[in-house]
PDB file of N, CA and C in Angstrom:
ATOM      1  N   MET A   1      37.195  31.152  38.819  1.00  0.00           N
ATOM      2  CA  MET A   1      36.219  32.297  38.816  1.00  0.00           C
ATOM      3  C   MET A   1      36.594  33.495  37.785  1.00  0.00           C
ATOM      4  N   MET A   2      37.731  33.689  37.406  1.00  0.00           N
ATOM      5  CA  MET A   2      38.440  34.714  36.445  1.00  0.00           C
ATOM      6  C   MET A   2      38.255  34.695  35.117  1.00  0.00           C
ATOM      7  N   GLN A   3      38.231  33.173  34.909  1.00  0.00           N
ATOM      8  CA  GLN A   3      37.906  32.615  33.820  1.00  0.00           C
ATOM      9  C   GLN A   3      36.153  32.706  33.891  1.00  0.00           C
ATOM     10  N   LYS A   4      35.417  32.575  34.419  1.00  0.00           N
ATOM     11  CA  LYS A   4      34.098  32.766  34.071  1.00  0.00           C
ATOM     12  C   LYS A   4      33.640  34.312  33.995  1.00  0.00           C
ATOM     13  N   LEU A   5      34.333  35.146  34.957  1.00  0.00           N
ATOM     14  CA  LEU A   5      34.417  36.576  34.532  1.00  0.00           C
ATOM     15  C   LEU A   5      34.860  37.318  32.995  1.00  0.00           C
ATOM     16  N   LEU A   6      35.850  36.655  32.683  1.00  0.00           N
ATOM     17  CA  LEU A   6      36.343  36.506  31.183  1.00  0.00           C
ATOM     18  C   LEU A   6      35.224  36.566  29.966  1.00  0.00           C
ATOM     19  N   LEU A   7      34.790  34.862  30.182  1.00  0.00           N
ATOM     20  CA  LEU A   7      33.729  34.481  29.190  1.00  0.00           C
ATOM     21  C   LEU A   7      32.486  35.636  29.556  1.00  0.00           C
ATOM     22  N   ALA A   8      31.878  35.774  30.840  1.00  0.00           N
ATOM     23  CA  ALA A   8      31.105  36.889  30.700  1.00  0.00           C
ATOM     24  C   ALA A   8      31.096  38.319  30.069  1.00  0.00           C
ATOM     25  N   VAL A   9      32.485  38.920  30.263  1.00  0.00           N
ATOM     26  CA  VAL A   9      32.622  40.171  29.610  1.00  0.00           C
ATOM     27  C   VAL A   9      32.530  39.928  28.233  1.00  0.00           C
ATOM     28  N   ILE A  10      33.134  38.484  27.583  1.00  0.00           N
ATOM     29  CA  ILE A  10      33.408  38.389  25.931  1.00  0.00           C
ATOM     30  C   ILE A  10      31.876  38.475  25.688  1.00  0.00           C
ATOM     31  N   ALA A  11      30.882  37.764  26.427  1.00  0.00           N
ATOM     32  CA  ALA A  11      29.535  37.388  25.920  1.00  0.00           C
ATOM     33  C   ALA A  11      28.826  38.759  26.215  1.00  0.00           C
ATOM     34  N   LEU A  12      29.235  39.807  26.945  1.00  0.00           N
ATOM     35  CA  LEU A  12      28.176  40.922  27.157  1.00  0.00           C
ATOM     36  C   LEU A  12      28.803  41.631  25.920  1.00  0.00           C
ATOM     37  N   GLY A  13      29.983  42.069  25.214  1.00  0.00           N
ATOM     38  CA  GLY A  13      30.375  42.601  24.450  1.00  0.00           C
ATOM     39  C   GLY A  13      29.963  41.824  22.921  1.00  0.00           C
ATOM     40  N   LEU A  14      29.905  40.635  22.798  1.00  0.00           N
ATOM     41  CA  LEU A  14      29.122  39.823  21.729  1.00  0.00           C
ATOM     42  C   LEU A  14      27.975  40.492  21.788  1.00  0.00           C
ATOM     43  N   TRP A  15      27.153  40.568  22.678  1.00  0.00           N
ATOM     44  CA  TRP A  15      25.397  40.588  23.024  1.00  0.00           C
ATOM     45  C   TRP A  15      25.589  42.490  22.436  1.00  0.00           C
ATOM     46  N   ALA A  16      26.499  43.197  22.849  1.00  0.00           N
ATOM     47  CA  ALA A  16      26.662  44.425  22.567  1.00  0.00           C
ATOM     48  C   ALA A  16      26.590  44.795  20.675  1.00  0.00           C
ATOM     49  N   ASP A  17      27.181  44.237  20.652  1.00  0.00           N
ATOM     50  CA  ASP A  17      27.682  44.022  19.156  1.00  0.00           C
ATOM     51  C   ASP A  17      26.428  44.052  18.242  1.00  0.00           C
ATOM     52  N   ALA A  18      25.922  43.004  18.661  1.00  0.00           N
ATOM     53  CA  ALA A  18      24.656  42.177  17.901  1.00  0.00           C
ATOM     54  C   ALA A  18      23.595  43.499  18.052  1.00  0.00           C
ATOM     55  N   ALA A  19      23.523  43.563  19.114  1.00  0.00           N
ATOM     56  CA  ALA A  19      22.344  44.831  19.913  1.00  0.00           C
ATOM     57  C   ALA A  19      22.558  46.098  18.580  1.00  0.00           C
ATOM     58  N   ALA A  20      23.925  46.799  18.925  1.00  0.00           N
ATOM     59  CA  ALA A  20      23.956  47.728  18.014  1.00  0.00           C
ATOM     60  C   ALA A  20      23.623  47.429  16.609  1.00  0.00           C
ATOM     61  N   HIS A  21      23.936  46.653  15.796  1.00  0.00           N
ATOM     62  CA  HIS A  21      23.486  46.224  14.448  1.00  0.00           C
ATOM     63  C   HIS A  21      21.680  46.298  14.321  1.00  0.00           C
ATOM     64  N   LEU A  22      21.107  45.823  15.604  1.00  0.00           N
ATOM     65  CA  LEU A  22      19.707  46.196  15.581  1.00  0.00           C
ATOM     66  C   LEU A  22      19.116  47.474  15.530  1.00  0.00           C
ATOM     67  N   ILE A  23      19.922  48.177  16.609  1.00  0.00           N
ATOM     68  CA  ILE A  23      19.413  49.394  16.709  1.00  0.00           C
ATOM     69  C   ILE A  23      19.520  50.399  15.510  1.00  0.00           C
ATOM     70  N   GLN A  24      20.728  50.666  14.827  1.00  0.00           N
ATOM     71  CA  GLN A  24      20.911  51.517  13.650  1.00  0.00           C
ATOM     72  C   GLN A  24      20.353  50.897  12.525  1.00  0.00           C
ATOM     73  N   PRO A  25      19.769  51.838  11.970  1.00  0.00           N
ATOM     74  CA  PRO A  25      19.505  51.470  10.576  1.00  0.00           C
ATOM     75  C   PRO A  25      20.513  50.853   9.435  1.00  0.00           C
ATOM     76  N   ALA A  26      20.221  50.423   8.396  1.00  0.00           N
ATOM     77  CA  ALA A  26      21.198  49.600   7.543  1.00  0.00           C
ATOM     78  C   ALA A  26      21.582  50.950   6.579  1.00  0.00           C
ATOM     79  N   LEU A  27      22.583  50.854   5.859  1.00  0.00           N
ATOM     80  CA  LEU A  27      23.242  51.920   5.396  1.00  0.00           C
ATOM     81  C   LEU A  27      22.150  52.187   4.229  1.00  0.00           C
ATOM     82  N   ALA A  28      21.596  51.727   3.415  1.00  0.00           N
ATOM     83  CA  ALA A  28      20.885  51.807   2.440  1.00  0.00           C
ATOM     84  C   ALA A  28      19.433  52.494   3.135  1.00  0.00           C
ATOM     85  N   GLN A  29      19.154  52.156   4.500  1.00  0.00           N
ATOM     86  CA  GLN A  29      18.098  52.951   4.941  1.00  0.00           C
ATOM     87  C   GLN A  29      18.302  54.138   5.033  1.00  0.00           C
ATOM     88  N   ARG A  30      19.548  54.988   5.607  1.00  0.00           N
ATOM     89  CA  ARG A  30      20.092  56.272   6.119  1.00  0.00           C
ATOM     90  C   ARG A  30      20.310  57.005   4.954  1.00  0.00           C
ATOM     91  N   LEU A  31      20.550  56.545   3.977  1.00  0.00           N
ATOM     92  CA  LEU A  31      21.051  57.289   2.713  1.00  0.00           C
ATOM     93  C   LEU A  31      19.385  57.927   2.065  1.00  0.00           C
ATOM     94  N   THR A  32      19.827  59.147   1.366  1.00  0.00           N
ATOM     95  CA  THR A  32      18.663  59.577   0.605  1.00  0.00           C
ATOM     96  C   THR A  32      18.679  59.194  -0.551  1.00  0.00           C
ATOM     97  N   PRO A  33      17.581  58.978  -1.313  1.00  0.00           N
ATOM     98  CA  PRO A  33      17.538  59.117  -2.652  1.00  0.00           C
ATOM     99  C   PRO A  33      18.507  59.535  -3.719  1.00  0.00           C
ATOM    100  N   SER A  34      18.879  60.779  -3.523  1.00  0.00           N
ATOM    101  CA  SER A  34      20.064  61.231  -4.587  1.00  0.00           C
ATOM    102  C   SER A  34      21.363  60.650  -4.157  1.00  0.00           C
ATOM    103  N   SER A  35      21.710  60.089  -2.859  1.00  0.00           N
ATOM    104  CA  SER A  35      23.063  59.961  -2.362  1.00  0.00           C
ATOM    105  C   SER A  35      22.934  58.372  -2.756  1.00  0.00           C
ATOM    106  N   LEU A  36      22.176  57.806  -2.405  1.00  0.00           N
ATOM    107  CA  LEU A  36      21.818  56.197  -3.161  1.00  0.00           C
ATOM    108  C   LEU A  36      21.940  56.225  -4.570  1.00  0.00           C
ATOM    109  N   GLU A  37      21.271  57.116  -5.517  1.00  0.00           N
ATOM    110  CA  GLU A  37      21.649  56.880  -6.964  1.00  0.00           C
ATOM    111  C   GLU A  37      23.074  57.282  -6.930  1.00  0.00           C
ATOM    112  N   SER A  38      23.991  58.136  -6.377  1.00  0.00           N
ATOM    113  CA  SER A  38      24.959  58.424  -6.933  1.00  0.00           C
ATOM    114  C   SER A  38      25.449  57.012  -6.447  1.00  0.00           C
ATOM    115  N   SER A  39      25.894  56.609  -5.058  1.00  0.00           N
ATOM    116  CA  SER A  39      26.197  55.264  -5.042  1.00  0.00           C
ATOM    117  C   SER A  39      26.487  54.078  -5.834  1.00  0.00           C
ATOM    118  N   VAL A  40      25.235  53.902  -6.198  1.00  0.00           N
ATOM    119  CA  VAL A  40      24.895  52.954  -7.578  1.00  0.00           C
ATOM    120  C   VAL A  40      25.294  53.602  -8.734  1.00  0.00           C
ATOM    121  N   ASP A  41      25.319  54.778  -8.650  1.00  0.00           N
ATOM    122  CA  ASP A  41      26.160  55.103 -10.051  1.00  0.00           C
ATOM    123  C   ASP A  41      27.689  54.771 -10.019  1.00  0.00           C
ATOM    124  N   GLY A  42      28.132  54.984  -9.195  1.00  0.00           N
ATOM    125  CA  GLY A  42      29.500  54.669  -8.862  1.00  0.00           C
ATOM    126  C   GLY A  42      29.971  53.443  -8.768  1.00  0.00           C
ATOM    127  N   ILE A  43      28.880  52.377  -8.165  1.00  0.00           N
ATOM    128  CA  ILE A  43      29.021  51.056  -8.405  1.00  0.00           C
ATOM    129  C   ILE A  43      29.405  50.610 -10.097  1.00  0.00           C
ATOM    130  N   ALA A  44      28.260  51.423 -10.494  1.00  0.00           N
ATOM    131  CA  ALA A  44      28.043  51.103 -12.178  1.00  0.00           C
ATOM    132  C   ALA A  44      29.490  51.204 -12.913  1.00  0.00           C
ATOM    133  N   ARG A  45      30.060  52.170 -12.257  1.00  0.00           N
ATOM    134  CA  ARG A  45      31.007  53.226 -13.390  1.00  0.00           C
ATOM    135  C   ARG A  45      32.706  52.093 -12.569  1.00  0.00           C
ATOM    136  N   ASP A  46      32.093  51.600 -11.822  1.00  0.00           N
ATOM    137  CA  ASP A  46      33.674  50.673 -11.398  1.00  0.00           C
ATOM    138  C   ASP A  46      33.291  49.558 -11.944  1.00  0.00           C
ATOM    139  N   LEU A  47      31.882  48.990 -11.900  1.00  0.00           N
ATOM    140  CA  LEU A  47      31.943  47.478 -12.474  1.00  0.00           C
ATOM    141  C   LEU A  47      32.084  47.569 -14.227  1.00  0.00           C
ATOM    142  N   HIS A  48      31.960  48.698 -14.797  1.00  0.00           N
ATOM    143  CA  HIS A  48      32.267  48.909 -16.438  1.00  0.00           C
ATOM    144  C   HIS A  48      33.835  49.386 -16.527  1.00  0.00           C
ATOM    145  N   ALA A  49      34.596  50.036 -15.582  1.00  0.00           N
ATOM    146  CA  ALA A  49      35.791  49.863 -15.705  1.00  0.00           C
ATOM    147  C   ALA A  49      36.449  48.617 -15.638  1.00  0.00           C
ATOM    148  N   LEU A  50      36.183  47.906 -14.615  1.00  0.00           N
ATOM    149  CA  LEU A  50      36.554  46.161 -14.477  1.00  0.00           C
ATOM    150  C   LEU A  50      36.416  45.544 -15.601  1.00  0.00           C
ATOM    151  N   VAL A  51      34.871  45.671 -16.482  1.00  0.00           N
ATOM    152  CA  VAL A  51      34.948  44.671 -17.253  1.00  0.00           C
ATOM    153  C   VAL A  51      35.568  45.089 -18.752  1.00  0.00           C
ATOM    154  N   ALA A  52      35.591  46.500 -19.007  1.00  0.00           N
ATOM    155  CA  ALA A  52      36.260  46.803 -20.342  1.00  0.00           C
ATOM    156  C   ALA A  52      37.749  47.329 -19.669  1.00  0.00           C
ATOM    157  N   GLY A  53      38.475  46.863 -18.668  1.00  0.00           N
ATOM    158  CA  GLY A  53      39.923  46.448 -18.424  1.00  0.00           C
ATOM    159  C   GLY A  53      40.376  48.129 -18.201  1.00  0.00           C
ATOM    160  N   THR A  54      39.952  48.963 -18.384  1.00  0.00           N
ATOM    161  CA  THR A  54      40.680  50.336 -17.922  1.00  0.00           C
ATOM    162  C   THR A  54      40.552  50.533 -16.369  1.00  0.00           C
ATOM    163  N   SER A  55      40.753  49.533 -15.765  1.00  0.00           N
ATOM    164  CA  SER A  55      40.574  50.293 -14.117  1.00  0.00           C
ATOM    165  C   SER A  55      42.208  49.906 -13.677  1.00  0.00           C
ATOM    166  N   GLY A  56      43.223  49.548 -14.560  1.00  0.00           N
ATOM    167  CA  GLY A  56      44.316  49.579 -14.047  1.00  0.00           C
ATOM    168  C   GLY A  56      44.330  48.121 -13.233  1.00  0.00           C
ATOM    169  N   CYS A  57      44.105  47.113 -13.707  1.00  0.00           N
ATOM    170  CA  CYS A  57      43.789  45.591 -13.098  1.00  0.00           C
ATOM    171  C   CYS A  57      44.825  45.367 -13.518  1.00  0.00           C
ATOM    172  N   THR A  58      45.530  44.367 -12.674  1.00  0.00           N
ATOM    173  CA  THR A  58      46.728  43.840 -12.841  1.00  0.00           C
ATOM    174  C   THR A  58      46.465  42.469 -12.908  1.00  0.00           C
ATOM    175  N   ASN A  59      45.757  41.806 -12.755  1.00  0.00           N
ATOM    176  CA  ASN A  59      45.193  40.138 -12.825  1.00  0.00           C
ATOM    177  C   ASN A  59      44.768  39.821 -13.807  1.00  0.00           C
ATOM    178  N   LYS A  60      46.137  38.931 -14.701  1.00  0.00           N
ATOM    179  CA  LYS A  60      45.581  38.959 -16.238  1.00  0.00           C
ATOM    180  C   LYS A  60      44.640  37.818 -16.280  1.00  0.00           C
ATOM    181  N   LYS A  61      44.186  36.870 -14.901  1.00  0.00           N
ATOM    182  CA  LYS A  61      43.131  36.260 -15.570  1.00  0.00           C
ATOM    183  C   LYS A  61      41.742  36.541 -15.400  1.00  0.00           C
ATOM    184  N   ILE A  62      41.402  37.615 -14.582  1.00  0.00           N
ATOM    185  CA  ILE A  62      40.383  38.585 -14.785  1.00  0.00           C
ATOM    186  C   ILE A  62      40.211  39.963 -15.702  1.00  0.00           C
ATOM    187  N   CYS A  63      41.307  40.303 -16.190  1.00  0.00           N
ATOM    188  CA  CYS A  63      41.018  41.528 -16.775  1.00  0.00           C
ATOM    189  C   CYS A  63      41.335  41.585 -18.248  1.00  0.00           C
ATOM    190  N   ASP A  64      42.047  40.136 -19.085  1.00  0.00           N
ATOM    191  CA  ASP A  64      42.072  40.528 -20.046  1.00  0.00           C
ATOM    192  C   ASP A  64      41.143  40.067 -20.702  1.00  0.00           C
TER     193      ASP A  64
END
């Protein structure tokens, strides 16, 4: 009996977690165009720093 109750609680928790993602809009949908643009600009800066080798990367296989 206890095992069935535990499995039911786990199933309910997993269902609630999946339902929460369906109810909430995705991050890109919640962002305004200006904040989305600043996020994309930040990603572009980080990518450029990684490619240019100025990000303080210590992994010699990908940073040299």
